[in-house]
C-alpha atoms as a PDB file:
ATOM      1  CA  MET A   1      76.839  93.952 100.125  1.00  0.00           C
ATOM      2  CA  ALA A   2      78.018  91.242  97.754  1.00  0.00           C
ATOM      3  CA  GLU A   3      81.025  89.201  98.874  1.00  0.00           C
ATOM      4  CA  ILE A   4      84.100  88.622  96.737  1.00  0.00           C
ATOM      5  CA  ASN A   5      84.522  84.932  95.941  1.00  0.00           C
ATOM      6  CA  ASN A   6      87.252  85.035  93.305  1.00  0.00           C
ATOM      7  CA  ARG A   7      90.959  85.704  93.523  1.00  0.00           C
ATOM      8  CA  ILE A   8      92.049  88.467  91.153  1.00  0.00           C
ATOM      9  CA  ASP A   9      95.506  89.400  89.878  1.00  0.00           C
ATOM     10  CA  PHE A  10      96.071  92.487  87.778  1.00  0.00           C
ATOM     11  CA  VAL A  11      98.546  94.379  85.617  1.00  0.00           C
ATOM     12  CA  TYR A  12      98.353  98.167  85.740  1.00  0.00           C
ATOM     13  CA  MET A  13     100.266 100.462  83.386  1.00  0.00           C
ATOM     14  CA  PHE A  14     100.613 104.217  83.597  1.00  0.00           C
ATOM     15  CA  ASP A  15     102.976 106.730  82.088  1.00  0.00           C
ATOM     16  CA  VAL A  16     104.507 110.094  82.910  1.00  0.00           C
ATOM     17  CA  GLN A  17     105.517 112.830  80.524  1.00  0.00           C
ATOM     18  CA  ASP A  18     107.747 115.701  81.664  1.00  0.00           C
ATOM     19  CA  GLY A  19     107.064 115.094  85.332  1.00  0.00           C
ATOM     20  CA  ASN A  20     108.300 113.469  88.515  1.00  0.00           C
ATOM     21  CA  PRO A  21     106.010 110.523  89.313  1.00  0.00           C
ATOM     22  CA  ASN A  22     107.454 109.796  92.769  1.00  0.00           C
ATOM     23  CA  GLY A  23     110.295 111.847  94.225  1.00  0.00           C
ATOM     24  CA  ASP A  24     112.837 110.292  96.576  1.00  0.00           C
ATOM     25  CA  PRO A  25     113.334 112.509  99.671  1.00  0.00           C
ATOM     26  CA  ASP A  26     116.669 110.795 100.346  1.00  0.00           C
ATOM     27  CA  ALA A  27     117.936 111.888  96.920  1.00  0.00           C
ATOM     28  CA  GLY A  28     116.897 115.537  96.778  1.00  0.00           C
ATOM     29  CA  ASN A  29     113.410 114.542  95.587  1.00  0.00           C
ATOM     30  CA  LEU A  30     114.771 113.203  92.288  1.00  0.00           C
ATOM     31  CA  PRO A  31     112.635 110.553  90.553  1.00  0.00           C
ATOM     32  CA  ARG A  32     113.179 107.125  92.107  1.00  0.00           C
ATOM     33  CA  VAL A  33     115.537 104.913  90.090  1.00  0.00           C
ATOM     34  CA  ASP A  34     116.839 101.361  90.390  1.00  0.00           C
ATOM     35  CA  ALA A  35     120.560 102.094  90.771  1.00  0.00           C
ATOM     36  CA  GLU A  36     121.617  98.893  88.993  1.00  0.00           C
ATOM     37  CA  THR A  37     119.314  98.942  85.960  1.00  0.00           C
ATOM     38  CA  GLY A  38     118.338 102.602  85.597  1.00  0.00           C
ATOM     39  CA  MET A  39     114.661 101.660  85.583  1.00  0.00           C
ATOM     40  CA  GLY A  40     112.293 104.160  87.165  1.00  0.00           C
ATOM     41  CA  LEU A  41     110.392 103.195  90.304  1.00  0.00           C
ATOM     42  CA  VAL A  42     107.127 104.289  91.900  1.00  0.00           C
ATOM     43  CA  THR A  43     106.409 102.869  95.354  1.00  0.00           C
ATOM     44  CA  ASP A  44     103.280 100.985  96.345  1.00  0.00           C
ATOM     45  CA  VAL A  45     102.795 103.593  99.085  1.00  0.00           C
ATOM     46  CA  CYS A  46     102.590 106.334  96.451  1.00  0.00           C
ATOM     47  CA  LEU A  47      99.954 104.431  94.449  1.00  0.00           C
ATOM     48  CA  LYS A  48      97.884 103.667  97.543  1.00  0.00           C
ATOM     49  CA  ARG A  49      98.006 107.358  98.466  1.00  0.00           C
ATOM     50  CA  LYS A  50      96.439 108.236  95.119  1.00  0.00           C
ATOM     51  CA  VAL A  51      93.696 105.635  95.613  1.00  0.00           C
ATOM     52  CA  ARG A  52      92.979 107.073  99.065  1.00  0.00           C
ATOM     53  CA  ASN A  53      92.815 110.598  97.635  1.00  0.00           C
ATOM     54  CA  TYR A  54      90.377 109.511  94.933  1.00  0.00           C
ATOM     55  CA  VAL A  55      88.092 107.713  97.391  1.00  0.00           C
ATOM     56  CA  GLN A  56      88.181 110.711  99.731  1.00  0.00           C
ATOM     57  CA  ILE A  57      87.026 112.992  96.893  1.00  0.00           C
ATOM     58  CA  ALA A  58      84.550 110.563  95.311  1.00  0.00           C
ATOM     59  CA  LYS A  59      82.833 109.594  98.575  1.00  0.00           C
ATOM     60  CA  ASN A  60      83.463 112.795 100.565  1.00  0.00           C
ATOM     61  CA  LEU A  61      84.288 110.742 103.689  1.00  0.00           C
ATOM     62  CA  ALA A  62      80.762 109.287 103.771  1.00  0.00           C
ATOM     63  CA  ASP A  63      79.935 106.693 106.416  1.00  0.00           C
ATOM     64  CA  GLY A  64      81.891 103.554 105.634  1.00  0.00           C
ATOM     65  CA  TYR A  65      84.200 105.397 103.238  1.00  0.00           C
ATOM     66  CA  ASP A  66      86.315 107.453 105.606  1.00  0.00           C
ATOM     67  CA  VAL A  67      90.083 107.333 105.069  1.00  0.00           C
ATOM     68  CA  TYR A  68      92.276 106.358 108.017  1.00  0.00           C
ATOM     69  CA  ILE A  69      95.595 107.628 106.652  1.00  0.00           C
ATOM     70  CA  LYS A  70      94.669 111.053 105.338  1.00  0.00           C
ATOM     71  CA  GLU A  71      96.566 114.319 105.319  1.00  0.00           C
ATOM     72  CA  LYS A  72      97.163 115.814 108.784  1.00  0.00           C
ATOM     73  CA  ALA A  73      95.264 112.968 110.477  1.00  0.00           C
ATOM     74  CA  VAL A  74      95.904 112.104 114.132  1.00  0.00           C
ATOM     75  CA  LEU A  75      95.492 108.346 113.936  1.00  0.00           C
ATOM     76  CA  GLY A  76      94.879 107.787 117.637  1.00  0.00           C
ATOM     77  CA  ARG A  77      91.652 109.790 117.526  1.00  0.00           C
ATOM     78  CA  ALA A  78      90.081 107.186 115.243  1.00  0.00           C
ATOM     79  CA  HIS A  79      90.889 104.490 117.812  1.00  0.00           C
ATOM     80  CA  ILE A  80      89.276 106.565 120.560  1.00  0.00           C
ATOM     81  CA  ASP A  81      86.204 107.111 118.355  1.00  0.00           C
ATOM     82  CA  ALA A  82      85.974 103.348 117.847  1.00  0.00           C
ATOM     83  CA  PHE A  83      86.076 102.573 121.579  1.00  0.00           C
ATOM     84  CA  ASN A  84      83.598 105.345 122.383  1.00  0.00           C
ATOM     85  CA  ALA A  85      81.189 104.126 119.689  1.00  0.00           C
ATOM     86  CA  LEU A  86      81.437 100.571 121.008  1.00  0.00           C
ATOM     87  CA  GLY A  87      80.961 101.667 124.619  1.00  0.00           C
ATOM     88  CA  TYR A  88      84.386 100.412 125.706  1.00  0.00           C
ATOM     89  CA  SER A  89      86.089 102.147 128.609  1.00  0.00           C
ATOM     90  CA  LEU A  90      89.243 104.101 127.824  1.00  0.00           C
ATOM     91  CA  GLY A  91      90.405 104.031 131.433  1.00  0.00           C
ATOM     92  CA  GLU A  92      90.049 106.384 134.370  1.00  0.00           C
ATOM     93  CA  ARG A  93      90.459 110.161 134.234  1.00  0.00           C
ATOM     94  CA  VAL A  94      92.988 111.620 136.676  1.00  0.00           C
ATOM     95  CA  THR A  95      92.030 114.564 138.910  1.00  0.00           C
ATOM     96  CA  LEU A  96      94.814 116.175 140.956  1.00  0.00           C
ATOM     97  CA  SER A  97      94.331 119.023 143.453  1.00  0.00           C
ATOM     98  CA  ILE A  98      96.427 122.136 142.850  1.00  0.00           C
ATOM     99  CA  GLU A  99      96.940 125.510 144.524  1.00  0.00           C
ATOM    100  CA  GLU A 100      95.055 128.614 143.400  1.00  0.00           C
ATOM    101  CA  ASN A 101      98.222 130.230 142.025  1.00  0.00           C
ATOM    102  CA  MET A 102      98.870 127.112 139.916  1.00  0.00           C
ATOM    103  CA  TYR A 103      95.292 127.219 138.662  1.00  0.00           C
ATOM    104  CA  ASN A 104      95.706 130.868 137.655  1.00  0.00           C
ATOM    105  CA  GLU A 105      99.035 130.153 135.998  1.00  0.00           C
ATOM    106  CA  LEU A 106      97.590 127.332 133.877  1.00  0.00           C
ATOM    107  CA  SER A 107      94.440 129.319 133.068  1.00  0.00           C
ATOM    108  CA  ASP A 108      96.549 131.751 131.049  1.00  0.00           C
ATOM    109  CA  LEU A 109      97.860 128.943 128.810  1.00  0.00           C
ATOM    110  CA  SER A 110      96.425 127.085 125.854  1.00  0.00           C
ATOM    111  CA  LEU A 111      96.023 123.568 127.245  1.00  0.00           C
ATOM    112  CA  PRO A 112      96.632 120.469 125.089  1.00  0.00           C
ATOM    113  CA  TYR A 113      93.908 117.997 124.168  1.00  0.00           C
ATOM    114  CA  GLY A 114      92.669 116.025 127.170  1.00  0.00           C
ATOM    115  CA  VAL A 115      93.897 118.486 129.830  1.00  0.00           C
ATOM    116  CA  SER A 116      91.455 120.776 131.615  1.00  0.00           C
ATOM    117  CA  LEU A 117      91.074 122.751 134.841  1.00  0.00           C
ATOM    118  CA  ASP A 118      88.311 122.487 137.420  1.00  0.00           C
ATOM    119  CA  ASN A 119      87.242 124.969 140.069  1.00  0.00           C
ATOM    120  CA  GLU A 120      84.380 123.805 142.244  1.00  0.00           C
ATOM    121  CA  ASN A 121      83.749 125.787 145.425  1.00  0.00           C
ATOM    122  CA  ASP A 122      87.312 127.126 145.319  1.00  0.00           C
ATOM    123  CA  ASN A 123      88.713 123.579 145.159  1.00  0.00           C
ATOM    124  CA  TYR A 124      91.199 123.816 142.314  1.00  0.00           C
ATOM    125  CA  SER A 125      92.312 120.809 140.284  1.00  0.00           C
ATOM    126  CA  VAL A 126      93.880 119.763 136.994  1.00  0.00           C
ATOM    127  CA  VAL A 127      92.099 116.994 135.078  1.00  0.00           C
ATOM    128  CA  LEU A 128      93.660 114.539 132.608  1.00  0.00           C
ATOM    129  CA  GLU A 129      91.228 112.541 130.497  1.00  0.00           C
ATOM    130  CA  ALA A 130      91.740 108.842 129.899  1.00  0.00           C
ATOM    131  CA  ASP A 131      92.506 109.364 126.195  1.00  0.00           C
ATOM    132  CA  ILE A 132      95.378 111.841 126.567  1.00  0.00           C
ATOM    133  CA  ASP A 133      98.491 111.632 124.412  1.00  0.00           C
ATOM    134  CA  LYS A 134     101.311 111.658 126.967  1.00  0.00           C
ATOM    135  CA  ASP A 135     103.962 112.472 124.370  1.00  0.00           C
ATOM    136  CA  GLU A 136     101.977 115.507 123.229  1.00  0.00           C
ATOM    137  CA  ILE A 137     101.664 116.765 126.820  1.00  0.00           C
ATOM    138  CA  LYS A 138     105.376 116.217 127.509  1.00  0.00           C
ATOM    139  CA  LYS A 139     106.210 118.233 124.397  1.00  0.00           C
ATOM    140  CA  TRP A 140     103.804 120.944 125.566  1.00  0.00           C
ATOM    141  CA  LEU A 141     105.551 121.066 128.943  1.00  0.00           C
ATOM    142  CA  LYS A 142     108.903 121.630 127.222  1.00  0.00           C
ATOM    143  CA  ASP A 143     107.540 124.503 125.165  1.00  0.00           C
ATOM    144  CA  ILE A 144     105.868 126.514 127.950  1.00  0.00           C
ATOM    145  CA  THR A 145     107.218 128.619 130.812  1.00  0.00           C
ATOM    146  CA  ILE A 146     105.669 127.753 134.189  1.00  0.00           C
ATOM    147  CA  SER A 147     106.855 127.540 137.772  1.00  0.00           C
ATOM    148  CA  PRO A 148     108.725 124.383 138.871  1.00  0.00           C
ATOM    149  CA  GLU A 149     105.923 123.584 141.341  1.00  0.00           C
ATOM    150  CA  THR A 150     103.244 123.652 138.640  1.00  0.00           C
ATOM    151  CA  ARG A 151     105.396 121.598 136.279  1.00  0.00           C
ATOM    152  CA  LYS A 152     105.890 119.038 139.046  1.00  0.00           C
ATOM    153  CA  LYS A 153     102.118 118.761 139.578  1.00  0.00           C
ATOM    154  CA  ILE A 154     101.485 118.144 135.873  1.00  0.00           C
ATOM    155  CA  ASN A 155     104.167 115.440 135.842  1.00  0.00           C
ATOM    156  CA  GLU A 156     102.555 113.829 138.905  1.00  0.00           C
ATOM    157  CA  ALA A 157      99.240 113.720 137.070  1.00  0.00           C
ATOM    158  CA  LEU A 158     100.941 112.187 134.028  1.00  0.00           C
ATOM    159  CA  LYS A 159     102.484 109.448 136.141  1.00  0.00           C
ATOM    160  CA  ALA A 160      99.109 108.695 137.710  1.00  0.00           C
ATOM    161  CA  SER A 161      97.492 108.388 134.276  1.00  0.00           C
ATOM    162  CA  LYS A 162      97.766 104.795 133.061  1.00  0.00           C
ATOM    163  CA  PRO A 163      96.182 103.441 129.885  1.00  0.00           C
ATOM    164  CA  LYS A 164      93.685 100.664 130.281  1.00  0.00           C
ATOM    165  CA  LYS A 165      94.793  97.218 129.161  1.00  0.00           C
ATOM    166  CA  VAL A 166      92.631  96.247 126.190  1.00  0.00           C
ATOM    167  CA  THR A 167      91.018  92.802 126.319  1.00  0.00           C
ATOM    168  CA  PRO A 168      91.139  90.464 123.280  1.00  0.00           C
ATOM    169  CA  GLU A 169      87.393  90.932 122.813  1.00  0.00           C
ATOM    170  CA  GLU A 170      87.751  94.743 122.811  1.00  0.00           C
ATOM    171  CA  GLN A 171      90.689  94.568 120.416  1.00  0.00           C
ATOM    172  CA  GLU A 172      88.689  92.426 117.988  1.00  0.00           C
ATOM    173  CA  GLY A 173      85.678  94.728 118.328  1.00  0.00           C
ATOM    174  CA  GLY A 174      87.863  97.733 117.586  1.00  0.00           C
ATOM    175  CA  ARG A 175      89.404  96.005 114.573  1.00  0.00           C
ATOM    176  CA  LYS A 176      85.980  95.239 113.084  1.00  0.00           C
ATOM    177  CA  TRP A 177      84.761  98.796 113.710  1.00  0.00           C
ATOM    178  CA  MET A 178      87.808 100.252 111.977  1.00  0.00           C
ATOM    179  CA  CYS A 179      87.361  97.950 108.969  1.00  0.00           C
ATOM    180  CA  LYS A 180      83.702  98.908 108.689  1.00  0.00           C
ATOM    181  CA  HIS A 181      84.257 102.664 108.833  1.00  0.00           C
ATOM    182  CA  PHE A 182      87.576 103.125 106.977  1.00  0.00           C
ATOM    183  CA  TYR A 183      87.789 102.137 103.323  1.00  0.00           C
ATOM    184  CA  ASP A 184      91.589 102.068 103.208  1.00  0.00           C
ATOM    185  CA  ILE A 185      91.844  99.776 106.238  1.00  0.00           C
ATOM    186  CA  ARG A 186      89.537  97.118 104.810  1.00  0.00           C
ATOM    187  CA  THR A 187      91.272  97.512 101.422  1.00  0.00           C
ATOM    188  CA  PHE A 188      94.994  97.741 102.178  1.00  0.00           C
ATOM    189  CA  GLY A 189      95.124  96.748 105.845  1.00  0.00           C
ATOM    190  CA  ALA A 190      96.845  98.631 108.666  1.00  0.00           C
ATOM    191  CA  VAL A 191      98.786  98.214 111.884  1.00  0.00           C
ATOM    192  CA  LEU A 192      96.360  99.475 114.533  1.00  0.00           C
ATOM    193  CA  SER A 193      98.472  98.864 117.630  1.00  0.00           C
ATOM    194  CA  LEU A 194      99.438 102.395 118.661  1.00  0.00           C
ATOM    195  CA  LYS A 195     101.158 103.172 121.967  1.00  0.00           C
ATOM    196  CA  SER A 196      99.139 106.338 122.485  1.00  0.00           C
ATOM    197  CA  ALA A 197      95.673 104.949 121.684  1.00  0.00           C
ATOM    198  CA  PRO A 198      93.548 101.840 122.275  1.00  0.00           C
ATOM    199  CA  ASN A 199      95.027  98.785 120.576  1.00  0.00           C
ATOM    200  CA  CYS A 200      92.811  97.627 117.705  1.00  0.00           C
ATOM    201  CA  GLY A 201      95.183  94.906 116.523  1.00  0.00           C
ATOM    202  CA  GLN A 202      96.372  94.414 112.966  1.00  0.00           C
ATOM    203  CA  VAL A 203      94.522  94.097 109.661  1.00  0.00           C
ATOM    204  CA  ARG A 204      95.869  92.283 106.598  1.00  0.00           C
ATOM    205  CA  GLY A 205      94.325  93.963 103.581  1.00  0.00           C
ATOM    206  CA  PRO A 206      93.045  91.999 100.567  1.00  0.00           C
ATOM    207  CA  ILE A 207      94.699  94.320  98.010  1.00  0.00           C
ATOM    208  CA  GLN A 208      98.444  94.688  97.651  1.00  0.00           C
ATOM    209  CA  PHE A 209     100.657  96.327  95.018  1.00  0.00           C
ATOM    210  CA  THR A 210     104.209  95.782  93.891  1.00  0.00           C
ATOM    211  CA  PHE A 211     106.434  98.763  93.161  1.00  0.00           C
ATOM    212  CA  ALA A 212     105.766 100.077  89.666  1.00  0.00           C
ATOM    213  CA  ARG A 213     108.828  99.721  87.441  1.00  0.00           C
ATOM    214  CA  SER A 214     109.470 101.443  84.113  1.00  0.00           C
ATOM    215  CA  VAL A 215     109.647  99.304  80.978  1.00  0.00           C
ATOM    216  CA  ASP A 216     112.850 101.020  79.842  1.00  0.00           C
ATOM    217  CA  PRO A 217     115.565 102.912  81.727  1.00  0.00           C
ATOM    218  CA  ILE A 218     114.534 106.488  82.428  1.00  0.00           C
ATOM    219  CA  ALA A 219     116.532 109.653  81.883  1.00  0.00           C
ATOM    220  CA  THR A 220     116.230 112.140  84.717  1.00  0.00           C
ATOM    221  CA  ALA A 221     116.340 115.753  83.549  1.00  0.00           C
ATOM    222  CA  GLU A 222     117.097 118.595  85.963  1.00  0.00           C
ATOM    223  CA  HIS A 223     115.912 122.103  85.127  1.00  0.00           C
ATOM    224  CA  SER A 224     116.780 125.464  86.631  1.00  0.00           C
ATOM    225  CA  ILE A 225     113.680 127.548  87.313  1.00  0.00           C
ATOM    226  CA  THR A 226     113.212 131.184  88.329  1.00  0.00           C
ATOM    227  CA  ARG A 227     110.604 132.747  90.590  1.00  0.00           C
ATOM    228  CA  MET A 228     110.187 136.469  89.972  1.00  0.00           C
ATOM    229  CA  ALA A 229     109.852 137.231  93.677  1.00  0.00           C
ATOM    230  CA  VAL A 230     111.642 136.773  96.979  1.00  0.00           C
ATOM    231  CA  ALA A 231     110.355 135.773 100.392  1.00  0.00           C
ATOM    232  CA  THR A 232     111.872 138.431 102.684  1.00  0.00           C
ATOM    233  CA  GLU A 233     112.823 142.117 102.755  1.00  0.00           C
ATOM    234  CA  LYS A 234     116.413 141.065 103.438  1.00  0.00           C
ATOM    235  CA  GLU A 235     116.558 139.137 100.156  1.00  0.00           C
ATOM    236  CA  ALA A 236     115.031 142.087  98.278  1.00  0.00           C
ATOM    237  CA  LYS A 237     117.687 144.498  99.617  1.00  0.00           C
ATOM    238  CA  LYS A 238     120.455 142.031  98.786  1.00  0.00           C
ATOM    239  CA  GLN A 239     119.271 141.872  95.167  1.00  0.00           C
ATOM    240  CA  ASN A 240     118.673 145.633  94.885  1.00  0.00           C
ATOM    241  CA  GLY A 241     115.050 145.087  93.938  1.00  0.00           C
ATOM    242  CA  ASP A 242     115.724 142.530  91.191  1.00  0.00           C
ATOM    243  CA  ASN A 243     113.782 140.024  93.316  1.00  0.00           C
ATOM    244  CA  ARG A 244     114.485 136.652  91.748  1.00  0.00           C
ATOM    245  CA  THR A 245     114.699 133.249  93.396  1.00  0.00           C
ATOM    246  CA  MET A 246     116.435 130.388  91.619  1.00  0.00           C
ATOM    247  CA  GLY A 247     115.362 126.782  92.061  1.00  0.00           C
ATOM    248  CA  ARG A 248     115.587 123.365  90.466  1.00  0.00           C
ATOM    249  CA  LYS A 249     113.041 120.898  89.149  1.00  0.00           C
ATOM    250  CA  ALA A 250     113.569 117.257  88.168  1.00  0.00           C
ATOM    251  CA  THR A 251     111.491 115.472  85.545  1.00  0.00           C
ATOM    252  CA  VAL A 252     111.304 112.269  83.556  1.00  0.00           C
ATOM    253  CA  PRO A 253     110.889 113.146  79.831  1.00  0.00           C
ATOM    254  CA  TYR A 254     108.839 109.964  79.380  1.00  0.00           C
ATOM    255  CA  GLY A 255     108.404 106.701  81.207  1.00  0.00           C
ATOM    256  CA  LEU A 256     105.936 103.814  80.952  1.00  0.00           C
ATOM    257  CA  TYR A 257     105.539 102.101  84.329  1.00  0.00           C
ATOM    258  CA  VAL A 258     104.090  98.668  85.095  1.00  0.00           C
ATOM    259  CA  CYS A 259     102.678  97.618  88.451  1.00  0.00           C
ATOM    260  CA  HIS A 260     101.335  94.208  89.486  1.00  0.00           C
ATOM    261  CA  GLY A 261      98.596  93.730  92.031  1.00  0.00           C
ATOM    262  CA  PHE A 262      96.848  90.995  93.975  1.00  0.00           C
ATOM    263  CA  ILE A 263      93.334  90.768  95.405  1.00  0.00           C
ATOM    264  CA  SER A 264      92.675  88.035  97.965  1.00  0.00           C
ATOM    265  CA  ALA A 265      89.063  86.888  98.276  1.00  0.00           C
ATOM    266  CA  ASN A 266      89.915  85.179 101.566  1.00  0.00           C
ATOM    267  CA  LEU A 267      91.262  88.361 103.179  1.00  0.00           C
ATOM    268  CA  ALA A 268      88.376  90.353 101.685  1.00  0.00           C
ATOM    269  CA  LYS A 269      85.951  88.222 103.711  1.00  0.00           C
ATOM    270  CA  GLN A 270      87.962  88.925 106.871  1.00  0.00           C
ATOM    271  CA  THR A 271      87.919  92.717 106.440  1.00  0.00           C
ATOM    272  CA  GLY A 272      84.450  93.059 104.907  1.00  0.00           C
ATOM    273  CA  PHE A 273      85.828  94.262 101.558  1.00  0.00           C
ATOM    274  CA  SER A 274      82.866  93.879  99.194  1.00  0.00           C
ATOM    275  CA  GLU A 275      82.181  93.763  95.468  1.00  0.00           C
ATOM    276  CA  GLU A 276      81.060  97.408  95.717  1.00  0.00           C
ATOM    277  CA  ASP A 277      84.393  98.301  97.318  1.00  0.00           C
ATOM    278  CA  LEU A 278      86.176  96.459  94.514  1.00  0.00           C
ATOM    279  CA  GLN A 279      84.366  98.449  91.828  1.00  0.00           C
ATOM    280  CA  LEU A 280      85.332 101.675  93.622  1.00  0.00           C
ATOM    281  CA  PHE A 281      88.960 100.503  93.638  1.00  0.00           C
ATOM    282  CA  PHE A 282      88.814  99.801  89.897  1.00  0.00           C
ATOM    283  CA  GLU A 283      87.273 103.238  89.359  1.00  0.00           C
ATOM    284  CA  ALA A 284      90.090 104.812  91.371  1.00  0.00           C
ATOM    285  CA  LEU A 285      92.823 103.156  89.303  1.00  0.00           C
ATOM    286  CA  LYS A 286      91.188 104.349  86.094  1.00  0.00           C
ATOM    287  CA  ASN A 287      90.651 107.959  87.206  1.00  0.00           C
ATOM    288  CA  MET A 288      92.979 108.770  90.113  1.00  0.00           C
ATOM    289  CA  PHE A 289      95.567 110.699  88.091  1.00  0.00           C
ATOM    290  CA  ASP A 290      92.872 113.076  86.826  1.00  0.00           C
ATOM    291  CA  VAL A 291      92.085 114.265  90.366  1.00  0.00           C
ATOM    292  CA  ASP A 292      95.717 114.424  91.507  1.00  0.00           C
ATOM    293  CA  ARG A 293      97.299 116.892  89.104  1.00  0.00           C
ATOM    294  CA  SER A 294     100.305 118.990  90.088  1.00  0.00           C
ATOM    295  CA  ALA A 295     103.015 120.939  88.286  1.00  0.00           C
ATOM    296  CA  ALA A 296     105.659 118.582  89.685  1.00  0.00           C
ATOM    297  CA  ARG A 297     104.070 115.404  88.321  1.00  0.00           C
ATOM    298  CA  GLY A 298     103.593 116.590  84.738  1.00  0.00           C
ATOM    299  CA  LEU A 299     101.200 114.520  82.632  1.00  0.00           C
ATOM    300  CA  MET A 300     100.471 111.173  84.298  1.00  0.00           C
ATOM    301  CA  SER A 301      97.887 108.881  82.710  1.00  0.00           C
ATOM    302  CA  ALA A 302      96.482 105.389  83.264  1.00  0.00           C
ATOM    303  CA  GLN A 303      97.128 103.513  80.004  1.00  0.00           C
ATOM    304  CA  LYS A 304      96.316  99.835  80.538  1.00  0.00           C
ATOM    305  CA  PHE A 305      94.475  97.872  83.216  1.00  0.00           C
ATOM    306  CA  ILE A 306      94.270  94.109  82.761  1.00  0.00           C
ATOM    307  CA  ILE A 307      92.714  91.803  85.348  1.00  0.00           C
ATOM    308  CA  PHE A 308      92.924  88.013  85.618  1.00  0.00           C
ATOM    309  CA  ARG A 309      89.840  86.736  87.415  1.00  0.00           C
ATOM    310  CA  HIS A 310      90.047  83.217  88.857  1.00  0.00           C
ATOM    311  CA  ASP A 311      86.909  81.115  89.311  1.00  0.00           C
ATOM    312  CA  SER A 312      87.875  80.158  92.872  1.00  0.00           C
ATOM    313  CA  ILE A 313      88.958  81.760  96.129  1.00  0.00           C
ATOM    314  CA  LEU A 314      92.445  80.219  96.078  1.00  0.00           C
ATOM    315  CA  GLY A 315      93.022  80.760  92.364  1.00  0.00           C
ATOM    316  CA  ASN A 316      93.716  78.535  89.383  1.00  0.00           C
ATOM    317  CA  ALA A 317      97.222  79.604  88.337  1.00  0.00           C
ATOM    318  CA  PRO A 318     100.306  81.310  89.776  1.00  0.00           C
ATOM    319  CA  ALA A 319     100.173  85.085  89.424  1.00  0.00           C
ATOM    320  CA  ASN A 320     103.633  85.332  87.843  1.00  0.00           C
ATOM    321  CA  LYS A 321     102.626  82.934  85.049  1.00  0.00           C
ATOM    322  CA  LEU A 322      99.627  85.133  84.269  1.00  0.00           C
ATOM    323  CA  PHE A 323     101.710  88.304  84.298  1.00  0.00           C
ATOM    324  CA  ASP A 324     104.103  86.701  81.782  1.00  0.00           C
ATOM    325  CA  LEU A 325     101.218  86.508  79.287  1.00  0.00           C
ATOM    326  CA  VAL A 326     101.290  90.310  78.983  1.00  0.00           C
ATOM    327  CA  LYS A 327     103.978  91.420  76.529  1.00  0.00           C
ATOM    328  CA  ILE A 328     105.223  94.983  76.144  1.00  0.00           C
ATOM    329  CA  LYS A 329     107.400  95.753  73.136  1.00  0.00           C
ATOM    330  CA  LYS A 330     108.848  99.041  71.952  1.00  0.00           C
ATOM    331  CA  ASN A 331     107.966  99.718  68.302  1.00  0.00           C
ATOM    332  CA  THR A 332     110.452 102.521  67.610  1.00  0.00           C
ATOM    333  CA  ASP A 333     114.233 102.843  67.484  1.00  0.00           C
ATOM    334  CA  ALA A 334     114.047 106.330  68.946  1.00  0.00           C
ATOM    335  CA  ALA A 335     113.657 107.133  72.610  1.00  0.00           C
ATOM    336  CA  PRO A 336     109.984 106.500  73.509  1.00  0.00           C
ATOM    337  CA  ARG A 337     107.988 109.644  74.152  1.00  0.00           C
ATOM    338  CA  SER A 338     104.413 108.335  74.251  1.00  0.00           C
ATOM    339  CA  PHE A 339     102.370 105.203  74.940  1.00  0.00           C
ATOM    340  CA  ASN A 340     101.982 104.819  71.165  1.00  0.00           C
ATOM    341  CA  ASP A 341     105.683 103.929  71.011  1.00  0.00           C
ATOM    342  CA  TYR A 342     104.835 100.579  72.644  1.00  0.00           C
ATOM    343  CA  ASP A 343     102.755  97.583  71.621  1.00  0.00           C
ATOM    344  CA  VAL A 344     100.980  95.740  74.441  1.00  0.00           C
ATOM    345  CA  THR A 345      99.649  92.254  73.727  1.00  0.00           C
ATOM    346  CA  ILE A 346      98.054  89.481  75.792  1.00  0.00           C
ATOM    347  CA  ASP A 347      98.606  85.836  74.917  1.00  0.00           C
ATOM    348  CA  LYS A 348      94.973  84.890  75.491  1.00  0.00           C
ATOM    349  CA  ASP A 349      95.419  81.443  73.927  1.00  0.00           C
ATOM    350  CA  SER A 350      97.708  80.486  76.827  1.00  0.00           C
ATOM    351  CA  VAL A 351      95.395  81.621  79.630  1.00  0.00           C
ATOM    352  CA  PRO A 352      94.888  78.612  81.986  1.00  0.00           C
ATOM    353  CA  ASN A 353      91.502  77.013  82.528  1.00  0.00           C
ATOM    354  CA  GLY A 354      89.507  78.686  85.285  1.00  0.00           C
ATOM    355  CA  VAL A 355      90.953  82.139  84.584  1.00  0.00           C
ATOM    356  CA  THR A 356      89.304  84.886  82.536  1.00  0.00           C
ATOM    357  CA  VAL A 357      90.974  88.031  81.216  1.00  0.00           C
ATOM    358  CA  GLU A 358      89.342  91.458  81.280  1.00  0.00           C
ATOM    359  CA  GLU A 359      90.761  94.713  79.917  1.00  0.00           C
ATOM    360  CA  LEU A 360      89.318  97.577  81.966  1.00  0.00           C
ATOM    361  CA  ILE A 361      91.452 100.111  80.070  1.00  0.00           C
END
């Protein structure tokens, strides 16, 4: 795959109409707002999530394009897969002898991942694999009803189970494996030092976003909504069969948001992020809202995507100076309600030597 040899900075604009682009769970899921200026905000985490979702759909988790942080993922399992694929030891399994009555008691339960029972020639034992999640097993112990003696035996086995100390060579091998197999790791980076799984170090990703900020202050509208049904029989009786549930929904009537991004050719070489990966990233930014529709988000659309491509790895101009060349001006005295209410221009005559401008949208 072709290497990336040029630093790239970019300006990305998207808008929302009658939707909530990024709810704040600490504020009742209202749209995020800068408290001092009233400008709307969308976090970099939210934008990266949409890129991940697009890649997951476009590539269907094909080899080399899996997604590390995906919905309902157990991150530690990917670390274990890496060490198994590389032939690295995860440590020693623990086998502890138990009485027959304990064996029978545990046989009636649904055992957590990594815990099993063995019965060879009436020699009963409980087995803990090297890759167990101790916190998961401790939680399981709290939730079940077993005799004190059996609980004590399981705790003894847990104490005897000790994770293997990962060597620097194994950590580096794990890091490279994760970068190769997970698109989002080699793109955005990740902290891969989990307590409950083999330590694969830390990856600094070549692509980073700023928060997206609206061009003008946003007005948050709250709407009462009605569902013509209830969830329980108790609610139905209380309403004498009227069966209505009231709720609330918050939207932004219109907002144009601007995000700035940075692509490091140097870090791309370290993670294996290739020119093909870059084109997939560009494709995601252009199309990700079209595969991520929901009633809550209203109409969200990518409106402008401008990249500044340097002719060197380190770059030929400061990113902020390049971003200042992009001007956004409102062309109406009324409250903006569409992208057509803004004029976007690029001062191409002031672009420094060694930098080229491309408009992908």
